[in-house]
């Protein structure tokens, strides 16, 4: 594969995020040529379509890479098949249902000499890198994470997110954790209270406490039932002032003064990164955000709340 040869890619699992983000990003990136899709219930116009990844790999056109966008509970088997077939793999977030399966896929990718990419899209929000550089030059004393959105707006009718392994409210909150683990000093979960609707197997809200070295503390308030304006804020109190990263990482302010406010282009940046690591023959797999989720479930106290109906 040369720098000028497009990477032939297929999408597996055609749902809302694929139509909203993946397809537009791929269409504008000359490093990729979308040649196929595989999905049980949907198709992509203009490419070869298959009902399963097995059919795509056995009968489809030649592909160099696959972008796996199905729910995390079923992603491991698909990723294992793709890597075993010598394909580079892009994992939609979260990269898997457990840490162990992601680490196993990374080891397999290394053994097969292919690229594996855990695509934490929120790390590519416009204000994140500037926030990281600011925090690297000061001491962080305290952080507050507030992540509240409307599940009915973002995941209408998606039953899998309420099943065991579907993450529940941690599906959006892991976006916050992907930023936090990139810009803040190391933290660990010390306490968690998880609200489970009485008719669901995944939480709808949570309160979480974190701690780090030298007295650093952080707290998280996350909710999946907020209507109206959505809240995606990370605030850090530092020796150099108050840093506020808002709108999911799009806007950065220091002591109330705007520093960064640019249009969102997370998925275009993700595919630029994927193309780069494929060309370089390396992987990019960070399980730190997923580890925080696992720790919250390990330490979390279960609190049963009113049932949820979509």
Protein backbone atom coordinates (compact mmCIF):
# COMPACT_ATOMS: atom_id res chain seq x y z
CA UNK A 1 0.00 0.00 0.00
CA UNK A 2 1.49 3.35 -1.04
CA UNK A 3 0.67 6.80 0.27
CA UNK A 4 -1.36 7.46 -2.90
CA UNK A 5 -3.36 4.23 -2.91
CA UNK A 6 -6.76 4.61 -1.19
CA UNK A 7 -7.41 2.22 1.67
CA UNK A 8 -10.32 0.02 0.63
CA UNK A 9 -12.67 0.00 3.60
CA UNK A 10 -15.97 -1.64 4.53
CA UNK A 11 -18.48 -0.61 7.20
CA UNK A 12 -19.97 -3.30 9.43
CA UNK A 13 -23.12 -2.42 11.37
CA UNK A 14 -25.06 0.31 9.56
CA UNK A 15 -26.96 2.39 12.08
CA UNK A 16 -27.51 6.00 13.08
CA UNK A 17 -23.89 6.82 13.91
CA UNK A 18 -22.74 5.43 10.57
CA UNK A 19 -25.17 7.57 8.59
CA UNK A 20 -24.62 10.67 10.73
CA UNK A 21 -20.83 10.52 11.01
CA UNK A 22 -18.91 7.68 9.35
CA UNK A 23 -20.28 7.93 5.83
CA UNK A 24 -19.90 11.72 5.53
CA UNK A 25 -16.36 11.55 6.95
CA UNK A 26 -15.30 8.77 4.57
CA UNK A 27 -16.86 10.51 1.58
CA UNK A 28 -14.58 13.52 2.09
CA UNK A 29 -11.37 11.61 2.83
CA UNK A 30 -9.30 10.68 -0.25
CA UNK A 31 -7.26 8.21 1.81
CA UNK A 32 -10.26 5.83 1.80
CA UNK A 33 -12.46 4.15 -0.75
CA UNK A 34 -15.68 2.74 0.70
CA UNK A 35 -16.28 -0.51 -1.18
CA UNK A 36 -18.72 -2.53 0.92
CA UNK A 37 -21.04 -2.69 3.92
CA UNK A 38 -22.42 -5.48 6.07
CA UNK A 39 -25.51 -5.16 8.23
CA UNK A 40 -28.46 -7.31 9.18
CA UNK A 41 -31.09 -4.64 8.62
CA UNK A 42 -29.64 -1.86 6.46
CA UNK A 43 -27.63 -1.14 3.33
CA UNK A 44 -25.37 1.61 2.02
CA UNK A 45 -26.12 2.96 -1.44
CA UNK A 46 -23.47 2.61 -4.09
CA UNK A 47 -21.43 -0.20 -2.57
CA UNK A 48 -21.65 -3.99 -2.29
CA UNK A 49 -23.88 -4.99 0.64
CA UNK A 50 -23.89 -8.18 2.71
CA UNK A 51 -25.93 -9.54 5.60
CA UNK A 52 -22.95 -10.43 7.77
CA UNK A 53 -19.25 -9.87 8.18
CA UNK A 54 -18.71 -13.54 7.35
CA UNK A 55 -20.40 -13.08 3.97
CA UNK A 56 -18.48 -9.89 3.31
CA UNK A 57 -15.12 -11.53 4.02
CA UNK A 58 -15.96 -14.66 2.03
CA UNK A 59 -17.79 -13.20 -0.97
CA UNK A 60 -17.16 -9.47 -1.02
CA UNK A 61 -14.71 -7.28 -2.89
CA UNK A 62 -11.11 -6.98 -1.72
CA UNK A 63 -10.87 -4.79 1.38
CA UNK A 64 -7.91 -3.55 3.40
CA UNK A 65 -9.81 -2.35 6.48
CA UNK A 66 -13.12 -2.66 8.27
CA UNK A 67 -14.88 -0.11 10.44
CA UNK A 68 -16.90 -1.97 13.08
CA UNK A 69 -19.93 -0.04 14.30
CA UNK A 70 -22.19 -2.70 15.76
CA UNK A 71 -23.07 -2.71 19.52
CA UNK A 72 -20.11 -3.52 21.80
CA UNK A 73 -21.64 -6.77 23.06
CA UNK A 74 -21.15 -8.42 19.67
CA UNK A 75 -18.10 -6.60 18.36
CA UNK A 76 -15.39 -8.96 19.61
CA UNK A 77 -16.24 -11.87 17.30
CA UNK A 78 -16.44 -9.58 14.27
CA UNK A 79 -13.15 -7.91 15.12
CA UNK A 80 -11.46 -11.26 15.70
CA UNK A 81 -12.62 -12.52 12.29
CA UNK A 82 -11.49 -9.34 10.55
CA UNK A 83 -8.05 -9.28 12.18
CA UNK A 84 -7.58 -13.01 11.57
CA UNK A 85 -8.29 -12.32 7.89
CA UNK A 86 -5.48 -9.74 7.86
CA UNK A 87 -7.67 -6.62 7.86
CA UNK A 88 -7.01 -3.37 9.66
CA UNK A 89 -9.82 -2.60 12.11
CA UNK A 90 -11.44 0.63 13.28
CA UNK A 91 -13.50 0.13 16.47
CA UNK A 92 -16.36 2.53 17.18
CA UNK A 93 -16.45 3.55 20.83
CA UNK A 94 -16.58 1.85 23.25
CA UNK A 95 -14.05 -0.52 21.69
CA UNK A 96 -15.56 -3.56 23.39
CA UNK A 97 -17.80 -4.81 26.14
CA UNK A 98 -14.84 -5.67 28.41
CA UNK A 99 -11.22 -4.68 28.87
CA UNK A 100 -10.03 -8.25 28.43
CA UNK A 101 -11.52 -8.67 24.97
CA UNK A 102 -10.00 -5.39 23.73
CA UNK A 103 -6.58 -6.37 25.05
CA UNK A 104 -6.95 -9.77 23.36
CA UNK A 105 -7.76 -8.08 20.04
CA UNK A 106 -4.72 -5.82 20.41
CA UNK A 107 -2.47 -8.84 20.95
CA UNK A 108 -4.00 -10.55 17.91
CA UNK A 109 -3.52 -7.44 15.76
CA UNK A 110 0.13 -7.25 16.81
CA UNK A 111 0.62 -10.93 15.95
CA UNK A 112 -1.05 -10.50 12.54
CA UNK A 113 0.80 -7.29 11.73
CA UNK A 114 -2.34 -5.20 11.21
CA UNK A 115 -3.60 -1.95 12.71
CA UNK A 116 -6.24 -1.81 15.46
CA UNK A 117 -7.74 1.58 16.32
CA UNK A 118 -9.86 2.33 19.39
CA UNK A 119 -11.59 5.46 18.13
CA UNK A 120 -12.29 7.74 21.08
CA UNK A 121 -13.95 10.44 18.98
CA UNK A 122 -14.34 13.04 21.74
CA UNK A 123 -10.56 13.31 22.07
CA UNK A 124 -10.66 14.95 18.66
CA UNK A 125 -13.07 17.72 19.67
CA UNK A 126 -11.67 21.18 18.85
CA UNK A 127 -10.89 22.33 22.40
CA UNK A 128 -9.36 19.14 23.79
CA UNK A 129 -5.76 19.50 22.67
CA UNK A 130 -5.58 23.12 23.83
CA UNK A 131 -7.03 22.06 27.19
CA UNK A 132 -4.42 19.30 27.49
CA UNK A 133 -1.59 21.75 26.85
CA UNK A 134 -2.96 24.24 29.39
CA UNK A 135 -3.35 21.61 32.11
CA UNK A 136 0.11 20.19 31.44
CA UNK A 137 1.60 23.53 32.50
CA UNK A 138 -0.14 23.82 35.86
CA UNK A 139 -1.31 21.84 38.89
CA UNK A 140 -4.88 20.58 38.87
CA UNK A 141 -6.57 20.65 42.28
CA UNK A 142 -10.15 19.61 41.59
CA UNK A 143 -12.34 18.64 38.65
CA UNK A 144 -16.07 18.44 38.00
CA UNK A 145 -17.58 16.33 35.23
CA UNK A 146 -21.22 16.98 34.30
CA UNK A 147 -22.54 14.90 31.40
CA UNK A 148 -26.31 15.05 30.94
CA UNK A 149 -28.25 14.32 27.79
CA UNK A 150 -31.52 12.94 26.46
CA UNK A 151 -31.35 9.24 25.58
CA UNK A 152 -34.60 9.48 23.62
CA UNK A 153 -33.00 12.07 21.35
CA UNK A 154 -29.67 10.33 20.74
CA UNK A 155 -30.63 6.64 20.96
CA UNK A 156 -34.31 6.37 20.00
CA UNK A 157 -35.59 2.81 20.17
CA UNK A 158 -32.14 1.26 20.65
CA UNK A 159 -32.80 -1.60 23.06
CA UNK A 160 -29.20 -2.88 23.12
CA UNK A 161 -27.96 0.06 25.18
CA UNK A 162 -30.20 -1.03 28.07
CA UNK A 163 -29.00 -4.63 28.03
CA UNK A 164 -26.13 -6.00 30.13
CA UNK A 165 -22.96 -4.94 28.34
CA UNK A 166 -24.72 -2.04 26.64
CA UNK A 167 -23.29 0.50 29.12
CA UNK A 168 -26.48 2.51 29.67
CA UNK A 169 -25.61 6.08 30.62
CA UNK A 170 -21.93 5.16 30.45
CA UNK A 171 -22.27 4.99 26.65
CA UNK A 172 -22.22 8.81 26.46
CA UNK A 173 -20.17 9.31 29.63
CA UNK A 174 -17.30 7.26 28.26
CA UNK A 175 -16.85 10.15 25.81
CA UNK A 176 -16.16 12.38 28.81
CA UNK A 177 -13.81 9.78 30.27
CA UNK A 178 -11.93 9.57 26.99
CA UNK A 179 -11.21 13.30 27.31
CA UNK A 180 -10.45 13.15 31.04
CA UNK A 181 -7.91 10.34 30.62
CA UNK A 182 -6.22 12.37 27.87
CA UNK A 183 -5.97 15.77 29.58
CA UNK A 184 -6.07 15.29 33.36
CA UNK A 185 -3.55 13.65 35.71
CA UNK A 186 -4.29 9.99 36.53
CA UNK A 187 -7.47 9.38 38.52
CA UNK A 188 -9.15 6.32 40.02
CA UNK A 189 -12.74 5.71 41.05
CA UNK A 190 -13.33 5.78 44.82
CA UNK A 191 -17.12 5.62 45.02
CA UNK A 192 -20.11 5.30 42.69
CA UNK A 193 -23.89 5.28 42.98
CA UNK A 194 -25.62 3.85 39.91
CA UNK A 195 -29.33 4.37 39.20
CA UNK A 196 -30.86 1.36 37.44
CA UNK A 197 -34.43 1.62 36.11
CA UNK A 198 -36.35 -1.29 37.60
CA UNK A 199 -37.05 -2.69 34.12
CA UNK A 200 -33.54 -2.31 32.66
CA UNK A 201 -30.13 -3.96 33.06
CA UNK A 202 -28.03 -0.81 32.58
CA UNK A 203 -27.97 2.46 34.54
CA UNK A 204 -29.75 5.65 33.55
CA UNK A 205 -27.77 7.98 35.87
CA UNK A 206 -24.80 7.92 38.24
CA UNK A 207 -22.73 9.93 40.68
CA UNK A 208 -19.04 9.03 40.83
CA UNK A 209 -16.10 10.22 42.94
CA UNK A 210 -12.48 10.03 41.81
CA UNK A 211 -9.13 10.68 43.46
CA UNK A 212 -5.58 11.16 42.26
CA UNK A 213 -2.16 11.99 43.63
CA UNK A 214 -1.37 15.05 45.76
CA UNK A 215 -4.94 15.59 46.94
CA UNK A 216 -6.53 15.75 43.48
CA UNK A 217 -10.25 14.96 43.53
CA UNK A 218 -12.97 14.82 40.89
CA UNK A 219 -16.69 14.20 40.84
CA UNK A 220 -19.05 13.20 38.08
CA UNK A 221 -22.78 13.75 37.74
CA UNK A 222 -24.22 11.91 34.75
CA UNK A 223 -27.82 11.59 33.62
CA UNK A 224 -29.59 10.25 30.54
CA UNK A 225 -32.95 11.94 31.04
CA UNK A 226 -32.08 15.61 30.56
CA UNK A 227 -34.35 17.31 28.03
CA UNK A 228 -33.78 20.67 26.42
CA UNK A 229 -30.19 21.93 26.21
CA UNK A 230 -27.66 19.14 26.69
CA UNK A 231 -24.77 19.42 29.16
CA UNK A 232 -21.30 18.08 28.40
CA UNK A 233 -18.88 19.98 30.68
CA UNK A 234 -15.48 19.35 32.25
CA UNK A 235 -14.29 21.99 34.72
CA UNK A 236 -10.88 21.95 36.40
CA UNK A 237 -9.69 24.21 39.21
CA UNK A 238 -5.96 24.78 38.74
CA UNK A 239 -3.15 26.97 40.04
CA UNK A 240 -3.32 28.86 36.73
CA UNK A 241 -7.06 29.46 36.81
CA UNK A 242 -10.37 27.79 36.15
CA UNK A 243 -10.50 25.73 32.96
CA UNK A 244 -13.92 25.02 31.45
CA UNK A 245 -14.20 22.61 28.55
CA UNK A 246 -17.82 22.62 27.38
CA UNK A 247 -20.06 21.38 24.57
CA UNK A 248 -18.39 17.98 24.66
CA UNK A 249 -14.92 19.44 24.16
CA UNK A 250 -15.79 21.94 21.43
CA UNK A 251 -15.39 25.09 23.55
CA UNK A 252 -12.56 26.00 25.93
CA UNK A 253 -12.46 28.92 28.36
CA UNK A 254 -9.91 29.93 31.01
CA UNK A 255 -11.30 32.03 33.86
CA UNK A 256 -14.36 32.72 31.72
CA UNK A 257 -12.37 33.94 28.72
CA UNK A 258 -12.97 31.95 25.50
CA UNK A 259 -9.81 30.35 24.17
CA UNK A 260 -11.12 27.87 21.62
CA UNK A 261 -14.47 27.66 19.82
CA UNK A 262 -14.27 25.95 16.44
CA UNK A 263 -16.64 23.78 14.38
CA UNK A 264 -16.80 20.11 15.34
CA UNK A 265 -14.96 17.66 13.04
CA UNK A 266 -14.36 14.65 15.26
CA UNK A 267 -15.03 11.87 12.75
CA UNK A 268 -13.04 13.41 9.90
CA UNK A 269 -10.13 13.65 12.36
CA UNK A 270 -10.65 10.04 13.43
CA UNK A 271 -10.36 8.76 9.88
CA UNK A 272 -7.30 10.94 9.30
CA UNK A 273 -5.74 9.29 12.34
CA UNK A 274 -6.76 5.81 11.18
CA UNK A 275 -5.24 6.37 7.75
CA UNK A 276 -2.03 7.59 9.35
CA UNK A 277 -1.57 4.61 11.66
CA UNK A 278 -2.45 2.16 8.88
CA UNK A 279 0.27 3.72 6.71
CA UNK A 280 2.71 3.65 9.66
CA UNK A 281 1.89 0.05 10.55
CA UNK A 282 1.03 0.74 14.22
CA UNK A 283 -2.03 0.42 16.45
CA UNK A 284 -3.71 2.93 18.76
CA UNK A 285 -5.62 1.14 21.53
CA UNK A 286 -6.17 2.87 24.89
CA UNK A 287 -8.43 1.11 27.41
CA UNK A 288 -8.15 3.77 30.14
CA UNK A 289 -11.70 5.15 29.61
CA UNK A 290 -13.12 1.63 29.63
CA UNK A 291 -11.21 0.83 32.82
CA UNK A 292 -12.95 3.70 34.65
CA UNK A 293 -16.33 2.34 33.56
CA UNK A 294 -15.40 -1.13 34.80
CA UNK A 295 -14.25 0.30 38.13
CA UNK A 296 -17.49 2.24 38.54
CA UNK A 297 -19.46 -0.97 38.09
CA UNK A 298 -17.11 -2.81 40.48
CA UNK A 299 -17.43 -0.22 43.25
CA UNK A 300 -20.89 1.08 42.42
CA UNK A 301 -23.85 0.79 44.74
CA UNK A 302 -27.01 -0.18 42.84
CA UNK A 303 -29.96 2.15 43.32
CA UNK A 304 -33.26 1.03 41.74
CA UNK A 305 -35.31 3.89 40.25
CA UNK A 306 -38.50 4.28 38.23
CA UNK A 307 -38.83 2.17 35.07
CA UNK A 308 -37.74 3.62 31.72
CA UNK A 309 -39.99 3.49 28.68
CA UNK A 310 -38.78 4.73 25.30
